[in-house]
Amino acid sequence: MDHKHEERRMLVAETCGRLAPVLGVGLRSSLLLTMLQQQAETDAEAAVRLCVVRNLRALLDADPDVSKSHAIEKLLLDLSLDVADEVSEAAVATLAPATVAWLLRVGGDVGGARLRDALVPAVCAKVSAVLSAASMADGSHRPLTEDDSWRVHTLLRLLACLVPAVRLTARASVPRAFACASGGGGGEGAEGAEGAEGADEEAATTSALASYVKKRAFEDASGDASGPGALSASAASSSSSETSWPAAKWLCGDGIALLASLAVKTPPREESARRAMLGVLRAFCEAAGEDVVTDVAAPAFAVASGLVEDTSADVDERAVQNARATALPLFLVAVLPRARGDALERRVKSLLVDPPVDPARGFVDPPSDVDPSDVDNPAAAGVPEYVLAALKFATTFERARGRVLKLLGTLAGEKSARCVLYTGPHTTPSAW
């Protein structure tokens, strides 16, 4: 391992990978993992560390003991942030999926819990630390250094690989009560063809998540799970152990809170970080499904974006202004297009017709010194600055552009809509 020639040190890593399938679990989890870990942490040559990444994948394919998950998670984070681009890219593109597959394959509920409660929060904490360091006392953001920008982008790419796996843990752990309420067989009827089994399980998971959201909504509103649209009587009367579903709870709770916190901290001027954050939010919405996005994530992001007052906390005007500048554009582009029905259109219309405006920034009525016929001036139409910036950002993305522009066309009688059309990326009315 300390040989002066890198080829010999690479051979050590290759040997660990080749021996992994034939050695016992104890040796895989102690000797081989320790050797690869030492090389990853101490070897100065990128070629050797890249070889470590490849052979860590081979070790994970041989299923080391899940008790070593903390060491493997640390290796994944360290190698993803390796100074050599080829090592970092290999860790994110190949080692991350291998780690997720291993956790779900050998860990079961424990592996899913490690993913949700340890690995994903660890990545979020690293992103948050970098973004928080760029936040200024007045609520603005200093430009990220080139190194910080790269770190944020890489970590968010890693996060986008990890978040969808929570859906897999949910699919593998649907409680019997929700499986029955969704019309599933709770594990019965295994005689179906294997090719259709995955699709059937996915549909059953989606239906079970919808039932979970309904149960959660009724419990929040009235403290019980009875009433129109609630779970079936058998599910409602099930014991708490039969309705406990940690993966769904994460998708409807901690996961949303973590991502909303990161969205609020993402500086609007950092395009690379902003687009990487969009990738994470889209991955989460795809994993959570339409019902969770519509009934849980969208209301939570409305609060995080400063559009709805959070009655559980004292209002900080500076924090609200910052949230509208940072989280609102991401909310419009990544979350609302994946919600049920016309949620995006209704939100955009409310922003144009009756936007929430604080006294410190933005305006509803045109200032007295502004010509109300000047459509090139946002103040003439009474459009708050944060609304204009968010809609400009939204209309640069294909999935949201058509829907937003169609709505603006129907609202062309509103000065606020004409203002957005004339001052956005589209310089002529023909754009809509």
Protein backbone atom coordinates (compact mmCIF):
# COMPACT_ATOMS: atom_id res chain seq x y z
CA MET A 1 0.00 0.00 0.00
CA ASP A 2 2.99 2.30 0.52
CA HIS A 3 4.91 1.22 -2.57
CA LYS A 4 6.57 4.06 -4.48
CA HIS A 5 5.03 2.98 -7.81
CA GLU A 6 1.34 3.80 -8.21
CA GLU A 7 0.79 0.71 -10.34
CA ARG A 8 1.59 -1.49 -7.35
CA ARG A 9 -0.78 0.47 -5.14
CA MET A 10 -3.49 0.19 -7.79
CA LEU A 11 -2.87 -3.56 -7.79
CA VAL A 12 -3.66 -3.63 -4.06
CA ALA A 13 -7.03 -1.98 -4.69
CA GLU A 14 -7.75 -4.36 -7.59
CA THR A 15 -6.89 -7.33 -5.40
CA CYS A 16 -9.36 -6.17 -2.75
CA GLY A 17 -12.09 -6.03 -5.39
CA ARG A 18 -11.27 -9.46 -6.77
CA LEU A 19 -11.12 -11.07 -3.35
CA ALA A 20 -14.42 -9.59 -2.15
CA PRO A 21 -16.71 -12.31 -3.59
CA VAL A 22 -14.63 -15.21 -2.26
CA LEU A 23 -13.82 -14.06 1.28
CA GLY A 24 -16.18 -14.30 4.24
CA VAL A 25 -18.38 -11.44 5.33
CA GLY A 26 -16.14 -10.68 8.30
CA LEU A 27 -13.01 -10.21 6.19
CA ARG A 28 -14.88 -8.21 3.56
CA SER A 29 -16.25 -5.84 6.18
CA SER A 30 -12.99 -5.43 8.10
CA LEU A 31 -9.80 -6.16 6.19
CA LEU A 32 -10.81 -5.28 2.62
CA LEU A 33 -12.86 -2.22 3.54
CA THR A 34 -10.13 -0.93 5.84
CA MET A 35 -7.47 -1.26 3.11
CA LEU A 36 -9.60 0.56 0.54
CA GLN A 37 -10.51 3.22 3.06
CA GLN A 38 -6.84 3.85 3.87
CA GLN A 39 -5.94 4.18 0.20
CA ALA A 40 -8.82 6.57 -0.44
CA GLU A 41 -7.77 8.79 2.46
CA THR A 42 -3.98 8.79 2.06
CA ASP A 43 -2.96 8.10 -1.53
CA ALA A 44 -1.91 11.23 -3.39
CA GLU A 45 -2.43 9.80 -6.89
CA ALA A 46 -5.84 10.30 -8.52
CA ALA A 47 -5.39 7.09 -10.54
CA VAL A 48 -5.15 5.06 -7.32
CA ARG A 49 -8.21 6.74 -5.79
CA LEU A 50 -10.15 6.13 -9.00
CA CYS A 51 -9.18 2.46 -8.74
CA VAL A 52 -10.47 2.51 -5.15
CA VAL A 53 -13.86 3.76 -6.36
CA ARG A 54 -14.14 0.92 -8.87
CA ASN A 55 -13.21 -1.71 -6.33
CA LEU A 56 -15.44 -0.29 -3.62
CA ARG A 57 -18.26 -1.01 -6.05
CA ALA A 58 -17.03 -4.60 -6.34
CA LEU A 59 -16.91 -4.84 -2.54
CA LEU A 60 -20.47 -3.51 -2.25
CA ASP A 61 -21.66 -6.02 -4.85
CA ALA A 62 -20.31 -8.73 -2.54
CA ASP A 63 -22.51 -7.41 0.31
CA PRO A 64 -20.30 -6.43 3.26
CA ASP A 65 -21.99 -6.27 6.65
CA VAL A 66 -24.49 -3.41 6.95
CA SER A 67 -22.93 -2.42 10.28
CA LYS A 68 -20.14 -0.81 8.22
CA SER A 69 -22.59 1.56 6.53
CA HIS A 70 -21.24 4.62 8.37
CA ALA A 71 -17.73 3.99 6.98
CA ILE A 72 -19.00 3.46 3.45
CA GLU A 73 -21.19 6.57 3.63
CA LYS A 74 -18.16 8.62 4.72
CA LEU A 75 -16.12 7.21 1.84
CA LEU A 76 -18.89 8.11 -0.61
CA LEU A 77 -18.99 11.72 0.62
CA ASP A 78 -15.20 12.10 0.65
CA LEU A 79 -14.70 10.59 -2.80
CA SER A 80 -17.56 12.63 -4.26
CA LEU A 81 -15.68 15.77 -3.18
CA ASP A 82 -12.28 14.49 -4.34
CA VAL A 83 -10.05 17.16 -5.86
CA ALA A 84 -9.65 15.06 -9.02
CA ASP A 85 -12.63 15.49 -11.32
CA GLU A 86 -12.47 11.93 -12.62
CA VAL A 87 -12.60 10.51 -9.09
CA SER A 88 -15.49 12.78 -8.08
CA GLU A 89 -17.44 11.97 -11.23
CA ALA A 90 -16.97 8.22 -10.76
CA ALA A 91 -18.09 8.42 -7.13
CA VAL A 92 -21.30 10.30 -7.97
CA ALA A 93 -22.11 8.34 -11.14
CA THR A 94 -21.25 4.80 -10.03
CA LEU A 95 -20.44 4.53 -6.31
CA ALA A 96 -23.60 6.36 -5.16
CA PRO A 97 -26.01 3.99 -7.01
CA ALA A 98 -23.99 0.99 -5.79
CA THR A 99 -24.20 2.25 -2.18
CA VAL A 100 -27.97 2.74 -2.43
CA ALA A 101 -28.47 -0.68 -3.97
CA TRP A 102 -26.36 -2.30 -1.24
CA LEU A 103 -28.22 -0.54 1.58
CA LEU A 104 -31.58 -1.60 0.20
CA ARG A 105 -30.44 -5.12 -0.62
CA VAL A 106 -28.80 -6.16 2.65
CA GLY A 107 -30.10 -3.63 5.14
CA GLY A 108 -33.86 -3.92 4.69
CA ASP A 109 -35.57 -1.50 7.05
CA VAL A 110 -32.21 -0.68 8.65
CA GLY A 111 -30.70 0.21 5.27
CA GLY A 112 -33.67 2.38 4.38
CA ALA A 113 -33.38 4.17 7.70
CA ARG A 114 -29.65 4.77 7.12
CA LEU A 115 -30.45 6.26 3.74
CA ARG A 116 -33.22 8.56 5.01
CA ASP A 117 -31.90 9.47 8.42
CA ALA A 118 -28.12 9.47 7.95
CA LEU A 119 -26.84 9.66 4.38
CA VAL A 120 -29.31 12.14 2.87
CA PRO A 121 -29.18 14.50 5.90
CA ALA A 122 -25.35 14.33 5.85
CA VAL A 123 -25.27 15.49 2.23
CA CYS A 124 -27.83 18.23 2.96
CA ALA A 125 -25.76 19.41 5.94
CA LYS A 126 -22.65 19.78 3.78
CA VAL A 127 -24.57 21.76 1.16
CA SER A 128 -26.17 23.92 3.83
CA ALA A 129 -22.80 24.68 5.42
CA VAL A 130 -21.38 26.00 2.15
CA LEU A 131 -24.48 28.06 1.30
CA SER A 132 -24.80 29.44 4.83
CA ALA A 133 -21.22 30.69 4.69
CA ALA A 134 -22.18 32.75 1.62
CA SER A 135 -25.16 34.38 3.35
CA MET A 136 -24.69 37.98 4.50
CA ALA A 137 -26.17 39.62 7.58
CA ASP A 138 -28.51 41.79 5.47
CA GLY A 139 -30.05 38.74 3.77
CA SER A 140 -28.04 39.02 0.55
CA HIS A 141 -25.48 36.49 -0.65
CA ARG A 142 -21.83 36.94 -1.49
CA PRO A 143 -20.73 35.19 -4.70
CA LEU A 144 -19.63 31.62 -4.14
CA THR A 145 -16.00 30.91 -4.82
CA GLU A 146 -15.26 28.61 -7.73
CA ASP A 147 -14.44 25.81 -5.28
CA ASP A 148 -17.62 26.37 -3.24
CA SER A 149 -19.73 26.46 -6.38
CA TRP A 150 -18.25 23.15 -7.51
CA ARG A 151 -18.82 21.58 -4.10
CA VAL A 152 -22.46 22.65 -4.00
CA HIS A 153 -23.11 21.45 -7.55
CA THR A 154 -21.45 18.08 -6.89
CA LEU A 155 -23.25 17.48 -3.60
CA LEU A 156 -26.62 18.37 -5.12
CA ARG A 157 -25.97 15.93 -7.97
CA LEU A 158 -25.22 13.29 -5.35
CA LEU A 159 -28.41 14.20 -3.50
CA ALA A 160 -30.43 13.85 -6.71
CA CYS A 161 -29.12 10.27 -6.95
CA LEU A 162 -30.06 9.43 -3.37
CA VAL A 163 -33.54 10.96 -2.99
CA PRO A 164 -35.34 8.68 -5.49
CA ALA A 165 -34.18 5.65 -3.49
CA VAL A 166 -36.55 6.66 -0.68
CA ARG A 167 -39.36 5.76 -3.06
CA LEU A 168 -37.87 2.26 -3.31
CA THR A 169 -37.81 1.94 0.48
CA ALA A 170 -41.45 3.05 0.55
CA ARG A 171 -42.36 0.51 -2.10
CA ALA A 172 -40.65 -2.28 -0.16
CA SER A 173 -42.31 -1.43 3.15
CA VAL A 174 -45.97 -0.60 2.42
CA PRO A 175 -47.92 -1.44 5.62
CA ARG A 176 -50.70 -3.96 5.21
CA ALA A 177 -53.35 -1.40 6.16
CA PHE A 178 -52.40 0.92 3.31
CA ALA A 179 -51.91 -1.96 0.88
CA CYS A 180 -55.48 -3.13 1.62
CA ALA A 181 -56.88 0.41 1.46
CA SER A 182 -55.27 0.93 -1.93
CA GLY A 183 -56.68 -2.30 -3.29
CA GLY A 184 -53.40 -4.18 -3.07
CA GLY A 185 -53.21 -7.71 -1.83
CA GLY A 186 -50.70 -7.08 0.94
CA GLY A 187 -48.22 -9.52 -0.61
CA GLU A 188 -50.80 -12.05 -1.99
CA GLY A 189 -51.32 -13.04 -5.60
CA ALA A 190 -47.67 -13.68 -6.49
CA GLU A 191 -48.57 -15.72 -9.53
CA GLY A 192 -48.46 -12.67 -11.84
CA ALA A 193 -45.79 -12.42 -14.50
CA GLU A 194 -42.49 -10.99 -13.29
CA GLY A 195 -42.43 -8.41 -16.07
CA ALA A 196 -45.67 -6.85 -14.83
CA GLU A 197 -44.88 -7.23 -11.14
CA GLY A 198 -42.72 -4.09 -10.93
CA ALA A 199 -45.36 -1.93 -12.59
CA ASP A 200 -48.06 -3.37 -10.35
CA GLU A 201 -46.00 -2.69 -7.23
CA GLU A 202 -45.30 0.86 -8.40
CA ALA A 203 -49.01 1.52 -8.97
CA ALA A 204 -49.84 -0.01 -5.59
CA THR A 205 -47.22 2.20 -3.91
CA THR A 206 -48.67 5.30 -5.54
CA SER A 207 -52.16 4.36 -4.38
CA ALA A 208 -50.92 3.55 -0.88
CA LEU A 209 -49.15 6.93 -0.65
CA ALA A 210 -52.41 8.62 -1.65
CA SER A 211 -54.16 6.76 1.20
CA TYR A 212 -51.39 7.77 3.59
CA VAL A 213 -51.75 11.43 2.61
CA LYS A 214 -55.52 11.28 3.17
CA LYS A 215 -55.08 9.67 6.58
CA ARG A 216 -52.46 12.26 7.50
CA ALA A 217 -54.72 15.13 6.42
CA PHE A 218 -57.69 13.87 8.44
CA GLU A 219 -55.55 13.29 11.51
CA ASP A 220 -54.12 16.80 11.23
CA ALA A 221 -57.59 18.30 10.82
CA SER A 222 -59.61 16.34 13.35
CA GLY A 223 -57.40 13.94 15.23
CA ASP A 224 -59.03 10.83 13.76
CA ALA A 225 -59.02 9.03 10.45
CA SER A 226 -62.79 8.84 9.88
CA GLY A 227 -64.84 10.78 7.40
CA PRO A 228 -65.46 10.98 3.65
CA GLY A 229 -62.42 10.08 1.60
CA ALA A 230 -60.53 8.57 4.53
CA LEU A 231 -59.10 5.09 4.67
CA SER A 232 -61.36 2.09 4.72
CA ALA A 233 -62.69 1.06 8.12
CA SER A 234 -60.26 -1.83 8.37
CA ALA A 235 -57.29 0.46 7.73
CA ALA A 236 -58.57 3.18 10.03
CA SER A 237 -58.96 0.74 12.87
CA SER A 238 -55.57 -0.89 12.36
CA SER A 239 -53.00 -0.72 15.10
CA SER A 240 -50.27 1.89 14.90
CA SER A 241 -47.74 -0.82 14.09
CA GLU A 242 -49.76 -1.76 11.02
CA THR A 243 -49.94 1.84 9.78
CA SER A 244 -46.41 2.94 10.65
CA TRP A 245 -44.62 3.80 7.41
CA PRO A 246 -41.29 5.62 8.00
CA ALA A 247 -40.49 6.09 4.32
CA ALA A 248 -43.82 7.79 3.62
CA LYS A 249 -43.44 9.87 6.78
CA TRP A 250 -40.07 11.09 5.48
CA LEU A 251 -41.51 11.93 2.05
CA CYS A 252 -44.29 13.93 3.71
CA GLY A 253 -42.19 15.51 6.45
CA ASP A 254 -38.45 15.53 7.00
CA GLY A 255 -37.62 15.23 3.31
CA ILE A 256 -39.68 18.28 2.39
CA ALA A 257 -38.24 20.27 5.31
CA LEU A 258 -34.65 19.44 4.31
CA LEU A 259 -35.12 20.40 0.66
CA ALA A 260 -37.14 23.55 1.42
CA SER A 261 -34.33 24.68 3.73
CA LEU A 262 -31.77 24.20 0.96
CA ALA A 263 -33.99 25.97 -1.59
CA VAL A 264 -34.23 29.05 0.65
CA LYS A 265 -30.44 29.13 0.96
CA THR A 266 -29.69 28.77 -2.78
CA PRO A 267 -28.52 32.19 -4.07
CA PRO A 268 -30.51 33.42 -7.09
CA ARG A 269 -27.34 34.58 -8.87
CA GLU A 270 -25.64 31.17 -8.65
CA GLU A 271 -26.97 29.56 -11.81
CA SER A 272 -25.08 26.27 -11.43
CA ALA A 273 -26.31 25.73 -7.86
CA ARG A 274 -29.82 26.82 -8.78
CA ARG A 275 -30.15 24.34 -11.64
CA ALA A 276 -28.65 21.54 -9.56
CA MET A 277 -31.21 22.32 -6.85
CA LEU A 278 -33.94 22.06 -9.48
CA GLY A 279 -32.66 18.57 -10.29
CA VAL A 280 -32.96 17.55 -6.63
CA LEU A 281 -36.49 18.96 -6.28
CA ARG A 282 -37.64 17.28 -9.48
CA ALA A 283 -36.18 13.97 -8.31
CA PHE A 284 -37.99 14.33 -5.01
CA CYS A 285 -41.32 15.18 -6.67
CA GLU A 286 -41.03 12.19 -9.01
CA ALA A 287 -40.27 9.95 -6.04
CA ALA A 288 -43.04 11.36 -3.83
CA GLY A 289 -45.77 11.24 -6.47
CA GLU A 290 -48.58 13.58 -7.44
CA ASP A 291 -50.62 13.21 -4.27
CA VAL A 292 -47.75 14.01 -1.91
CA VAL A 293 -46.63 16.92 -4.10
CA THR A 294 -50.12 18.42 -4.36
CA ASP A 295 -51.36 17.95 -0.81
CA VAL A 296 -48.14 18.18 1.23
CA ALA A 297 -45.11 19.50 -0.65
CA ALA A 298 -46.82 22.38 -2.49
CA PRO A 299 -48.37 23.92 0.68
CA ALA A 300 -45.06 23.49 2.53
CA PHE A 301 -43.12 25.20 -0.25
CA ALA A 302 -45.67 28.01 -0.39
CA VAL A 303 -44.81 28.73 3.23
CA ALA A 304 -41.07 28.33 2.60
CA SER A 305 -41.31 30.71 -0.38
CA GLY A 306 -42.84 33.47 1.72
CA LEU A 307 -46.25 33.30 0.03
CA VAL A 308 -48.14 32.07 3.09
CA GLU A 309 -47.52 33.33 6.58
CA ASP A 310 -46.07 30.74 8.93
CA THR A 311 -48.28 31.11 11.99
CA SER A 312 -46.01 28.83 14.04
CA ALA A 313 -43.12 31.32 14.04
CA ASP A 314 -42.52 35.03 14.39
CA VAL A 315 -42.44 36.75 11.00
CA ASP A 316 -38.99 37.96 9.97
CA GLU A 317 -39.46 40.41 7.09
CA ARG A 318 -35.88 39.96 5.90
CA ALA A 319 -36.27 36.18 5.86
CA VAL A 320 -39.54 36.49 3.91
CA GLN A 321 -37.88 38.72 1.31
CA ASN A 322 -35.01 36.28 0.96
CA ALA A 323 -37.36 33.30 0.60
CA ARG A 324 -39.30 35.01 -2.18
CA ALA A 325 -36.08 35.67 -4.08
CA THR A 326 -34.56 32.21 -3.61
CA ALA A 327 -37.25 29.56 -3.12
CA LEU A 328 -40.19 30.96 -5.12
CA PRO A 329 -38.63 30.49 -8.59
CA LEU A 330 -37.68 26.89 -7.69
CA PHE A 331 -41.20 26.31 -6.37
CA LEU A 332 -42.75 27.44 -9.67
CA VAL A 333 -40.39 25.42 -11.88
CA ALA A 334 -39.78 22.18 -9.99
CA VAL A 335 -42.72 21.58 -7.64
CA LEU A 336 -45.94 23.03 -9.06
CA PRO A 337 -45.60 21.53 -12.59
CA ARG A 338 -45.73 18.11 -10.92
CA ALA A 339 -48.78 18.88 -8.80
CA ARG A 340 -52.28 17.77 -9.70
CA GLY A 341 -54.39 19.78 -12.16
CA ASP A 342 -53.82 23.49 -12.69
CA ALA A 343 -51.92 24.22 -9.47
CA LEU A 344 -49.19 26.08 -11.37
CA GLU A 345 -51.67 28.27 -13.27
CA ARG A 346 -53.63 29.12 -10.13
CA ARG A 347 -50.49 30.11 -8.26
CA VAL A 348 -49.18 32.27 -11.12
CA LYS A 349 -52.56 33.99 -11.46
CA SER A 350 -52.65 34.75 -7.75
CA LEU A 351 -49.13 36.20 -7.94
CA LEU A 352 -50.16 38.53 -10.76
CA VAL A 353 -53.61 39.51 -9.56
CA ASP A 354 -53.16 39.57 -5.79
CA PRO A 355 -49.48 39.17 -4.87
CA PRO A 356 -48.41 39.17 -1.22
CA VAL A 357 -46.20 42.23 -0.81
CA ASP A 358 -44.31 43.43 2.23
CA PRO A 359 -43.73 47.15 2.86
CA ALA A 360 -39.98 46.90 2.54
CA ARG A 361 -39.81 45.62 -1.05
CA GLY A 362 -42.15 45.45 -4.02
CA PHE A 363 -45.32 47.39 -4.64
CA VAL A 364 -48.96 46.80 -5.53
CA ASP A 365 -50.07 50.26 -6.55
CA PRO A 366 -47.90 52.09 -9.13
CA PRO A 367 -45.82 54.84 -7.50
CA SER A 368 -47.07 58.35 -8.22
CA ASP A 369 -44.02 59.23 -10.32
CA VAL A 370 -44.44 56.29 -12.73
CA ASP A 371 -46.34 56.44 -16.02
CA PRO A 372 -48.99 53.68 -15.75
CA SER A 373 -48.92 53.16 -19.54
CA ASP A 374 -45.22 52.24 -19.53
CA VAL A 375 -45.39 48.42 -19.91
CA ASP A 376 -41.61 48.14 -19.89
CA ASN A 377 -41.58 49.30 -16.28
CA PRO A 378 -42.71 46.65 -13.75
CA ALA A 379 -43.77 49.41 -11.38
CA ALA A 380 -46.30 50.64 -13.95
CA ALA A 381 -48.26 47.40 -13.66
CA GLY A 382 -47.81 47.04 -9.94
CA VAL A 383 -45.77 43.84 -10.30
CA PRO A 384 -43.56 43.10 -7.28
CA GLU A 385 -39.93 42.58 -8.17
CA TYR A 386 -39.84 39.05 -6.77
CA VAL A 387 -42.85 38.01 -8.89
CA LEU A 388 -41.32 39.35 -12.08
CA ALA A 389 -37.99 37.63 -11.36
CA ALA A 390 -39.69 34.31 -10.55
CA LEU A 391 -41.82 34.33 -13.70
CA LYS A 392 -38.87 35.28 -15.89
CA PHE A 393 -36.99 32.31 -14.44
CA ALA A 394 -39.98 29.98 -14.91
CA THR A 395 -40.39 30.89 -18.58
CA THR A 396 -36.83 29.76 -19.34
CA PHE A 397 -37.82 26.12 -18.70
CA GLU A 398 -39.78 24.14 -21.25
CA ARG A 399 -42.13 22.31 -18.87
CA ALA A 400 -43.35 25.53 -17.23
CA ARG A 401 -42.98 27.95 -20.16
CA GLY A 402 -45.96 26.86 -22.22
CA ARG A 403 -48.34 26.76 -19.28
CA VAL A 404 -47.25 30.14 -17.91
CA LEU A 405 -47.35 31.89 -21.29
CA LYS A 406 -50.78 30.43 -22.06
CA LEU A 407 -52.07 31.82 -18.77
CA LEU A 408 -50.45 35.20 -19.43
CA GLY A 409 -52.21 35.26 -22.77
CA THR A 410 -55.59 34.76 -21.12
CA LEU A 411 -54.75 37.55 -18.67
CA ALA A 412 -53.55 39.95 -21.34
CA GLY A 413 -56.11 42.46 -20.14
CA GLU A 414 -54.20 42.70 -16.88
CA LYS A 415 -51.36 45.22 -16.94
CA SER A 416 -49.33 42.92 -14.73
CA ALA A 417 -49.52 40.10 -17.30
CA ARG A 418 -48.56 42.43 -20.18
CA CYS A 419 -45.63 43.64 -18.12
CA VAL A 420 -44.27 40.12 -17.71
CA LEU A 421 -44.75 39.38 -21.40
CA TYR A 422 -42.85 42.49 -22.46
CA THR A 423 -40.03 42.34 -19.92
CA GLY A 424 -39.37 38.61 -19.79
CA PRO A 425 -37.25 36.51 -22.18
CA HIS A 426 -39.97 37.12 -24.80
CA THR A 427 -39.66 40.60 -26.22
CA THR A 428 -42.77 40.60 -28.41
CA PRO A 429 -46.41 39.63 -27.86
CA SER A 430 -46.02 36.99 -30.62
CA ALA A 431 -44.23 34.83 -28.06
CA TRP A 432 -47.63 33.95 -26.63
